[in-house]
PDB file of N, CA and C in Angstrom:
ATOM      1  N   UNK A   1     105.070  94.339 111.814  1.00  0.00           N
ATOM      2  CA  UNK A   1     103.783  95.133 111.557  1.00  0.00           C
ATOM      3  C   UNK A   1     102.841  94.463 112.403  1.00  0.00           C
ATOM      4  N   UNK A   2     102.159  95.382 113.079  1.00  0.00           N
ATOM      5  CA  UNK A   2     101.093  94.818 114.299  1.00  0.00           C
ATOM      6  C   UNK A   2      99.754  95.426 114.176  1.00  0.00           C
ATOM      7  N   UNK A   3      98.815  95.196 114.408  1.00  0.00           N
ATOM      8  CA  UNK A   3      97.425  95.948 114.551  1.00  0.00           C
ATOM      9  C   UNK A   3      97.187  97.746 114.767  1.00  0.00           C
ATOM     10  N   UNK A   4      98.275  97.548 115.632  1.00  0.00           N
ATOM     11  CA  UNK A   4      98.351  98.888 116.083  1.00  0.00           C
ATOM     12  C   UNK A   4      98.795  99.809 115.282  1.00  0.00           C
ATOM     13  N   UNK A   5      99.282  99.137 113.820  1.00  0.00           N
ATOM     14  CA  UNK A   5     100.193 100.423 112.802  1.00  0.00           C
ATOM     15  C   UNK A   5      99.170 100.224 111.995  1.00  0.00           C
ATOM     16  N   UNK A   6      97.950 100.104 111.960  1.00  0.00           N
ATOM     17  CA  UNK A   6      96.895 100.155 110.696  1.00  0.00           C
ATOM     18  C   UNK A   6      97.071 102.071 110.884  1.00  0.00           C
ATOM     19  N   UNK A   7      96.505 102.406 109.254  1.00  0.00           N
ATOM     20  CA  UNK A   7      96.209 103.834 109.028  1.00  0.00           C
ATOM     21  C   UNK A   7      97.350 104.770 109.347  1.00  0.00           C
ATOM     22  N   UNK A   8      98.744 104.160 109.154  1.00  0.00           N
ATOM     23  CA  UNK A   8      99.766 104.968 109.216  1.00  0.00           C
ATOM     24  C   UNK A   8     100.445 105.253 107.765  1.00  0.00           C
ATOM     25  N   UNK A   9      99.899 104.469 106.352  1.00  0.00           N
ATOM     26  CA  UNK A   9     100.600 104.506 105.721  1.00  0.00           C
ATOM     27  C   UNK A   9      99.245 105.261 104.640  1.00  0.00           C
ATOM     28  N   UNK A  10      99.398 106.217 103.727  1.00  0.00           N
ATOM     29  CA  UNK A  10      98.604 106.841 102.611  1.00  0.00           C
ATOM     30  C   UNK A  10      97.797 105.566 102.407  1.00  0.00           C
ATOM     31  N   UNK A  11      98.434 104.628 101.711  1.00  0.00           N
ATOM     32  CA  UNK A  11      98.021 103.252 101.033  1.00  0.00           C
ATOM     33  C   UNK A  11      96.374 102.965 102.053  1.00  0.00           C
ATOM     34  N   UNK A  12      96.810 102.966 103.682  1.00  0.00           N
ATOM     35  CA  UNK A  12      95.822 102.521 104.501  1.00  0.00           C
ATOM     36  C   UNK A  12      94.696 103.338 104.206  1.00  0.00           C
ATOM     37  N   UNK A  13      94.636 104.449 104.601  1.00  0.00           N
ATOM     38  CA  UNK A  13      93.517 105.308 103.918  1.00  0.00           C
ATOM     39  C   UNK A  13      93.084 105.184 102.982  1.00  0.00           C
ATOM     40  N   UNK A  14      93.589 105.020 101.693  1.00  0.00           N
ATOM     41  CA  UNK A  14      93.239 104.391 100.452  1.00  0.00           C
ATOM     42  C   UNK A  14      91.835 103.482 100.578  1.00  0.00           C
ATOM     43  N   UNK A  15      92.487 102.161 101.345  1.00  0.00           N
ATOM     44  CA  UNK A  15      91.639 101.205 101.509  1.00  0.00           C
ATOM     45  C   UNK A  15      90.479 101.482 102.381  1.00  0.00           C
ATOM     46  N   UNK A  16      90.349 102.211 103.362  1.00  0.00           N
ATOM     47  CA  UNK A  16      89.201 102.715 104.032  1.00  0.00           C
ATOM     48  C   UNK A  16      88.517 103.455 102.743  1.00  0.00           C
ATOM     49  N   UNK A  17      88.852 104.330 102.092  1.00  0.00           N
ATOM     50  CA  UNK A  17      88.470 105.075 100.971  1.00  0.00           C
ATOM     51  C   UNK A  17      87.447 104.317 100.110  1.00  0.00           C
ATOM     52  N   UNK A  18      88.337 102.905  99.615  1.00  0.00           N
ATOM     53  CA  UNK A  18      87.768 102.109  98.987  1.00  0.00           C
ATOM     54  C   UNK A  18      86.419 101.384  99.489  1.00  0.00           C
ATOM     55  N   UNK A  19      86.622 101.247 100.729  1.00  0.00           N
ATOM     56  CA  UNK A  19      85.409 100.484 101.578  1.00  0.00           C
ATOM     57  C   UNK A  19      84.281 101.462 101.659  1.00  0.00           C
ATOM     58  N   UNK A  20      84.590 102.734 102.108  1.00  0.00           N
ATOM     59  CA  UNK A  20      83.491 103.823 101.755  1.00  0.00           C
ATOM     60  C   UNK A  20      82.799 103.739 100.796  1.00  0.00           C
ATOM     61  N   UNK A  21      83.615 103.656  99.781  1.00  0.00           N
ATOM     62  CA  UNK A  21      82.753 103.931  98.444  1.00  0.00           C
ATOM     63  C   UNK A  21      82.124 102.426  97.943  1.00  0.00           C
ATOM     64  N   UNK A  22      82.771 101.334  98.348  1.00  0.00           N
ATOM     65  CA  UNK A  22      81.760 100.359  98.064  1.00  0.00           C
ATOM     66  C   UNK A  22      80.445 100.069  98.548  1.00  0.00           C
ATOM     67  N   UNK A  23      80.496 100.585 100.069  1.00  0.00           N
ATOM     68  CA  UNK A  23      79.404 100.843 100.652  1.00  0.00           C
ATOM     69  C   UNK A  23      78.265 102.283  99.947  1.00  0.00           C
ATOM     70  N   UNK A  24      78.797 102.876  99.779  1.00  0.00           N
ATOM     71  CA  UNK A  24      77.981 103.888  98.785  1.00  0.00           C
ATOM     72  C   UNK A  24      77.525 103.590  97.778  1.00  0.00           C
ATOM     73  N   UNK A  25      78.163 102.557  97.145  1.00  0.00           N
ATOM     74  CA  UNK A  25      77.706 101.928  95.598  1.00  0.00           C
ATOM     75  C   UNK A  25      76.324 101.518  95.498  1.00  0.00           C
ATOM     76  N   UNK A  26      75.896 100.933  96.987  1.00  0.00           N
ATOM     77  CA  UNK A  26      74.634 100.199  96.947  1.00  0.00           C
ATOM     78  C   UNK A  26      73.554 101.433  96.953  1.00  0.00           C
ATOM     79  N   UNK A  27      73.980 102.509  96.788  1.00  0.00           N
ATOM     80  CA  UNK A  27      72.701 103.594  96.429  1.00  0.00           C
ATOM     81  C   UNK A  27      72.410 103.547  94.620  1.00  0.00           C
ATOM     82  N   UNK A  28      73.205 103.017  93.779  1.00  0.00           N
ATOM     83  CA  UNK A  28      73.047 102.807  92.421  1.00  0.00           C
ATOM     84  C   UNK A  28      71.848 101.952  92.433  1.00  0.00           C
ATOM     85  N   UNK A  29      71.220 101.962  91.324  1.00  0.00           N
ATOM     86  CA  UNK A  29      70.115 100.661  90.907  1.00  0.00           C
ATOM     87  C   UNK A  29      70.997  99.432  90.708  1.00  0.00           C
ATOM     88  N   UNK A  30      70.821  98.540  91.176  1.00  0.00           N
ATOM     89  CA  UNK A  30      71.551  97.333  91.634  1.00  0.00           C
ATOM     90  C   UNK A  30      72.714  97.514  92.025  1.00  0.00           C
ATOM     91  N   UNK A  31      72.939  98.586  92.591  1.00  0.00           N
ATOM     92  CA  UNK A  31      74.387  98.780  93.352  1.00  0.00           C
ATOM     93  C   UNK A  31      74.671  97.500  94.205  1.00  0.00           C
ATOM     94  N   UNK A  32      73.861  96.841  94.891  1.00  0.00           N
ATOM     95  CA  UNK A  32      74.439  95.880  95.656  1.00  0.00           C
ATOM     96  C   UNK A  32      75.464  94.763  94.862  1.00  0.00           C
ATOM     97  N   UNK A  33      74.865  94.551  93.532  1.00  0.00           N
ATOM     98  CA  UNK A  33      75.581  93.749  92.701  1.00  0.00           C
ATOM     99  C   UNK A  33      76.988  94.233  92.737  1.00  0.00           C
ATOM    100  N   UNK A  34      77.301  95.256  92.141  1.00  0.00           N
ATOM    101  CA  UNK A  34      78.269  96.157  92.336  1.00  0.00           C
ATOM    102  C   UNK A  34      79.276  95.927  93.332  1.00  0.00           C
ATOM    103  N   UNK A  35      78.647  96.415  94.555  1.00  0.00           N
ATOM    104  CA  UNK A  35      79.240  96.447  95.783  1.00  0.00           C
ATOM    105  C   UNK A  35      79.779  94.655  96.358  1.00  0.00           C
ATOM    106  N   UNK A  36      78.920  93.949  96.081  1.00  0.00           N
ATOM    107  CA  UNK A  36      79.473  92.643  96.266  1.00  0.00           C
ATOM    108  C   UNK A  36      80.608  92.332  95.483  1.00  0.00           C
ATOM    109  N   UNK A  37      80.632  92.919  94.388  1.00  0.00           N
ATOM    110  CA  UNK A  37      81.797  92.339  93.312  1.00  0.00           C
ATOM    111  C   UNK A  37      82.868  93.288  93.517  1.00  0.00           C
ATOM    112  N   UNK A  38      83.052  94.270  94.205  1.00  0.00           N
ATOM    113  CA  UNK A  38      83.972  95.303  94.637  1.00  0.00           C
ATOM    114  C   UNK A  38      84.598  94.957  95.702  1.00  0.00           C
ATOM    115  N   UNK A  39      84.096  94.285  96.919  1.00  0.00           N
ATOM    116  CA  UNK A  39      84.233  93.466  97.895  1.00  0.00           C
ATOM    117  C   UNK A  39      84.735  92.003  97.695  1.00  0.00           C
ATOM    118  N   UNK A  40      84.658  91.649  96.852  1.00  0.00           N
ATOM    119  CA  UNK A  40      84.908  90.451  96.943  1.00  0.00           C
ATOM    120  C   UNK A  40      86.532  90.670  95.793  1.00  0.00           C
ATOM    121  N   UNK A  41      86.397  91.409  94.696  1.00  0.00           N
ATOM    122  CA  UNK A  41      87.407  91.832  94.074  1.00  0.00           C
ATOM    123  C   UNK A  41      88.908  92.213  94.777  1.00  0.00           C
ATOM    124  N   UNK A  42      88.431  93.139  96.087  1.00  0.00           N
ATOM    125  CA  UNK A  42      89.373  93.381  96.860  1.00  0.00           C
ATOM    126  C   UNK A  42      90.039  92.452  97.793  1.00  0.00           C
ATOM    127  N   UNK A  43      89.351  91.233  98.326  1.00  0.00           N
ATOM    128  CA  UNK A  43      89.292  90.179  99.273  1.00  0.00           C
ATOM    129  C   UNK A  43      90.293  89.575  98.322  1.00  0.00           C
ATOM    130  N   UNK A  44      89.872  88.904  97.063  1.00  0.00           N
ATOM    131  CA  UNK A  44      91.074  88.613  96.475  1.00  0.00           C
ATOM    132  C   UNK A  44      92.188  88.778  96.103  1.00  0.00           C
ATOM    133  N   UNK A  45      92.269  90.255  95.439  1.00  0.00           N
ATOM    134  CA  UNK A  45      93.768  91.262  95.391  1.00  0.00           C
ATOM    135  C   UNK A  45      94.465  90.637  96.697  1.00  0.00           C
ATOM    136  N   UNK A  46      93.856  91.010  97.941  1.00  0.00           N
ATOM    137  CA  UNK A  46      94.701  91.054  99.188  1.00  0.00           C
ATOM    138  C   UNK A  46      95.360  89.612  99.363  1.00  0.00           C
ATOM    139  N   UNK A  47      94.120  88.420  98.740  1.00  0.00           N
ATOM    140  CA  UNK A  47      95.030  87.022  99.133  1.00  0.00           C
ATOM    141  C   UNK A  47      96.112  86.867  97.939  1.00  0.00           C
ATOM    142  N   UNK A  48      95.954  87.201  96.876  1.00  0.00           N
ATOM    143  CA  UNK A  48      96.862  87.187  95.931  1.00  0.00           C
ATOM    144  C   UNK A  48      98.421  88.134  96.218  1.00  0.00           C
ATOM    145  N   UNK A  49      98.158  88.748  97.161  1.00  0.00           N
ATOM    146  CA  UNK A  49      99.558  89.787  97.162  1.00  0.00           C
ATOM    147  C   UNK A  49     100.554  88.880  97.729  1.00  0.00           C
ATOM    148  N   UNK A  50     101.941  89.050  97.711  1.00  0.00           N
ATOM    149  CA  UNK A  50     103.096  88.363  98.424  1.00  0.00           C
ATOM    150  C   UNK A  50     103.346  89.623  99.061  1.00  0.00           C
ATOM    151  N   UNK A  51     102.196  89.260 100.729  1.00  0.00           N
ATOM    152  CA  UNK A  51     102.951  90.126 101.668  1.00  0.00           C
ATOM    153  C   UNK A  51     102.896  88.964 102.932  1.00  0.00           C
ATOM    154  N   UNK A  52     102.881  89.768 104.305  1.00  0.00           N
ATOM    155  CA  UNK A  52     103.011  88.951 105.160  1.00  0.00           C
ATOM    156  C   UNK A  52     101.020  89.037 105.583  1.00  0.00           C
ATOM    157  N   UNK A  53     100.557  87.890 105.845  1.00  0.00           N
ATOM    158  CA  UNK A  53      99.203  87.839 106.235  1.00  0.00           C
ATOM    159  C   UNK A  53      98.786  88.785 107.213  1.00  0.00           C
ATOM    160  N   UNK A  54      99.579  89.307 107.885  1.00  0.00           N
ATOM    161  CA  UNK A  54      99.219  89.943 109.201  1.00  0.00           C
ATOM    162  C   UNK A  54      98.731  91.609 108.638  1.00  0.00           C
ATOM    163  N   UNK A  55      99.914  91.558 107.415  1.00  0.00           N
ATOM    164  CA  UNK A  55      99.653  92.689 106.353  1.00  0.00           C
ATOM    165  C   UNK A  55      98.231  93.183 105.579  1.00  0.00           C
ATOM    166  N   UNK A  56      97.762  91.666 105.035  1.00  0.00           N
ATOM    167  CA  UNK A  56      96.655  91.394 104.203  1.00  0.00           C
ATOM    168  C   UNK A  56      95.632  91.673 105.807  1.00  0.00           C
ATOM    169  N   UNK A  57      95.543  91.052 106.499  1.00  0.00           N
ATOM    170  CA  UNK A  57      94.657  91.578 107.385  1.00  0.00           C
ATOM    171  C   UNK A  57      94.235  92.694 108.059  1.00  0.00           C
ATOM    172  N   UNK A  58      95.029  93.249 107.787  1.00  0.00           N
ATOM    173  CA  UNK A  58      95.301  95.013 108.573  1.00  0.00           C
ATOM    174  C   UNK A  58      94.579  95.933 107.216  1.00  0.00           C
ATOM    175  N   UNK A  59      95.040  95.477 105.856  1.00  0.00           N
ATOM    176  CA  UNK A  59      94.332  95.949 104.848  1.00  0.00           C
ATOM    177  C   UNK A  59      92.679  95.787 104.527  1.00  0.00           C
ATOM    178  N   UNK A  60      92.562  94.457 105.256  1.00  0.00           N
ATOM    179  CA  UNK A  60      91.146  94.012 105.282  1.00  0.00           C
ATOM    180  C   UNK A  60      90.148  94.830 106.100  1.00  0.00           C
ATOM    181  N   UNK A  61      91.071  95.006 107.302  1.00  0.00           N
ATOM    182  CA  UNK A  61      90.448  95.857 108.402  1.00  0.00           C
ATOM    183  C   UNK A  61      90.198  97.065 108.407  1.00  0.00           C
ATOM    184  N   UNK A  62      91.075  97.745 107.508  1.00  0.00           N
ATOM    185  CA  UNK A  62      90.850  99.105 107.243  1.00  0.00           C
ATOM    186  C   UNK A  62      89.695  99.371 105.942  1.00  0.00           C
ATOM    187  N   UNK A  63      89.573  98.294 104.814  1.00  0.00           N
ATOM    188  CA  UNK A  63      88.915  98.442 103.890  1.00  0.00           C
ATOM    189  C   UNK A  63      86.921  98.110 105.138  1.00  0.00           C
ATOM    190  N   UNK A  64      87.126  97.472 105.683  1.00  0.00           N
ATOM    191  CA  UNK A  64      85.803  97.415 106.584  1.00  0.00           C
ATOM    192  C   UNK A  64      85.462  98.136 107.414  1.00  0.00           C
ATOM    193  N   UNK A  65      86.576  98.861 107.805  1.00  0.00           N
ATOM    194  CA  UNK A  65      86.498 100.303 109.072  1.00  0.00           C
ATOM    195  C   UNK A  65      85.997 101.100 107.814  1.00  0.00           C
ATOM    196  N   UNK A  66      86.619 101.559 106.472  1.00  0.00           N
ATOM    197  CA  UNK A  66      85.720 102.436 105.595  1.00  0.00           C
ATOM    198  C   UNK A  66      84.446 101.921 105.652  1.00  0.00           C
ATOM    199  N   UNK A  67      84.098 100.517 105.271  1.00  0.00           N
ATOM    200  CA  UNK A  67      82.680 100.388 104.847  1.00  0.00           C
ATOM    201  C   UNK A  67      81.477 100.722 105.743  1.00  0.00           C
ATOM    202  N   UNK A  68      82.257 100.260 107.278  1.00  0.00           N
ATOM    203  CA  UNK A  68      81.345 100.536 108.273  1.00  0.00           C
ATOM    204  C   UNK A  68      81.153 101.971 108.630  1.00  0.00           C
ATOM    205  N   UNK A  69      81.636 102.639 108.329  1.00  0.00           N
ATOM    206  CA  UNK A  69      81.812 104.261 108.625  1.00  0.00           C
ATOM    207  C   UNK A  69      80.856 104.665 107.543  1.00  0.00           C
ATOM    208  N   UNK A  70      80.613 104.107 106.337  1.00  0.00           N
ATOM    209  CA  UNK A  70      79.506 104.708 105.250  1.00  0.00           C
ATOM    210  C   UNK A  70      78.127 104.332 105.534  1.00  0.00           C
ATOM    211  N   UNK A  71      77.818 103.141 106.556  1.00  0.00           N
ATOM    212  CA  UNK A  71      76.637 102.326 106.666  1.00  0.00           C
ATOM    213  C   UNK A  71      75.657 103.672 107.376  1.00  0.00           C
ATOM    214  N   UNK A  72      76.179 104.522 107.945  1.00  0.00           N
ATOM    215  CA  UNK A  72      75.184 105.129 108.742  1.00  0.00           C
ATOM    216  C   UNK A  72      74.722 106.361 107.459  1.00  0.00           C
ATOM    217  N   UNK A  73      75.688 106.928 106.797  1.00  0.00           N
ATOM    218  CA  UNK A  73      75.059 107.492 105.592  1.00  0.00           C
ATOM    219  C   UNK A  73      74.415 107.226 104.925  1.00  0.00           C
ATOM    220  N   UNK A  74      74.616 105.693 104.326  1.00  0.00           N
ATOM    221  CA  UNK A  74      73.693 105.002 103.197  1.00  0.00           C
ATOM    222  C   UNK A  74      72.540 105.049 103.574  1.00  0.00           C
ATOM    223  N   UNK A  75      72.370 104.562 104.905  1.00  0.00           N
ATOM    224  CA  UNK A  75      71.108 104.469 105.629  1.00  0.00           C
ATOM    225  C   UNK A  75      70.401 106.097 105.711  1.00  0.00           C
ATOM    226  N   UNK A  76      70.880 106.976 106.012  1.00  0.00           N
ATOM    227  CA  UNK A  76      70.487 108.216 106.143  1.00  0.00           C
ATOM    228  C   UNK A  76      69.944 108.911 104.473  1.00  0.00           C
ATOM    229  N   UNK A  77      70.562 108.594 103.522  1.00  0.00           N
ATOM    230  CA  UNK A  77      70.561 108.865 102.281  1.00  0.00           C
ATOM    231  C   UNK A  77      69.088 107.808 101.816  1.00  0.00           C
ATOM    232  N   UNK A  78      68.618 106.514 102.163  1.00  0.00           N
ATOM    233  CA  UNK A  78      67.996 105.750 101.490  1.00  0.00           C
ATOM    234  C   UNK A  78      66.542 106.085 102.012  1.00  0.00           C
TER     235      UNK A  78
END
C-alpha cells in the first residue's frame, strides 16, 4: 500500500467520517473533552492494530482529512 491508495476502501471513508464527527463533537457542551478522547482512542486503536505501519499512517491521514474538512463547518456553526 502506498499513500496514493488512500480512500479506496469503504473503511477509508469511515475513518474520514469518524474524523468529521470528532470535529463536530466540539459543538456540544464540553465537547472538546469528548473530541480529544475520541482522537486519542483512534490513535491508540491504530497503534495497537497488527498491520503494516504505512496502513496505519494512511488510516490516521484519512481521519485527519475528515477532521480538517469539518473545521470550516464548525467555525460557521459557532
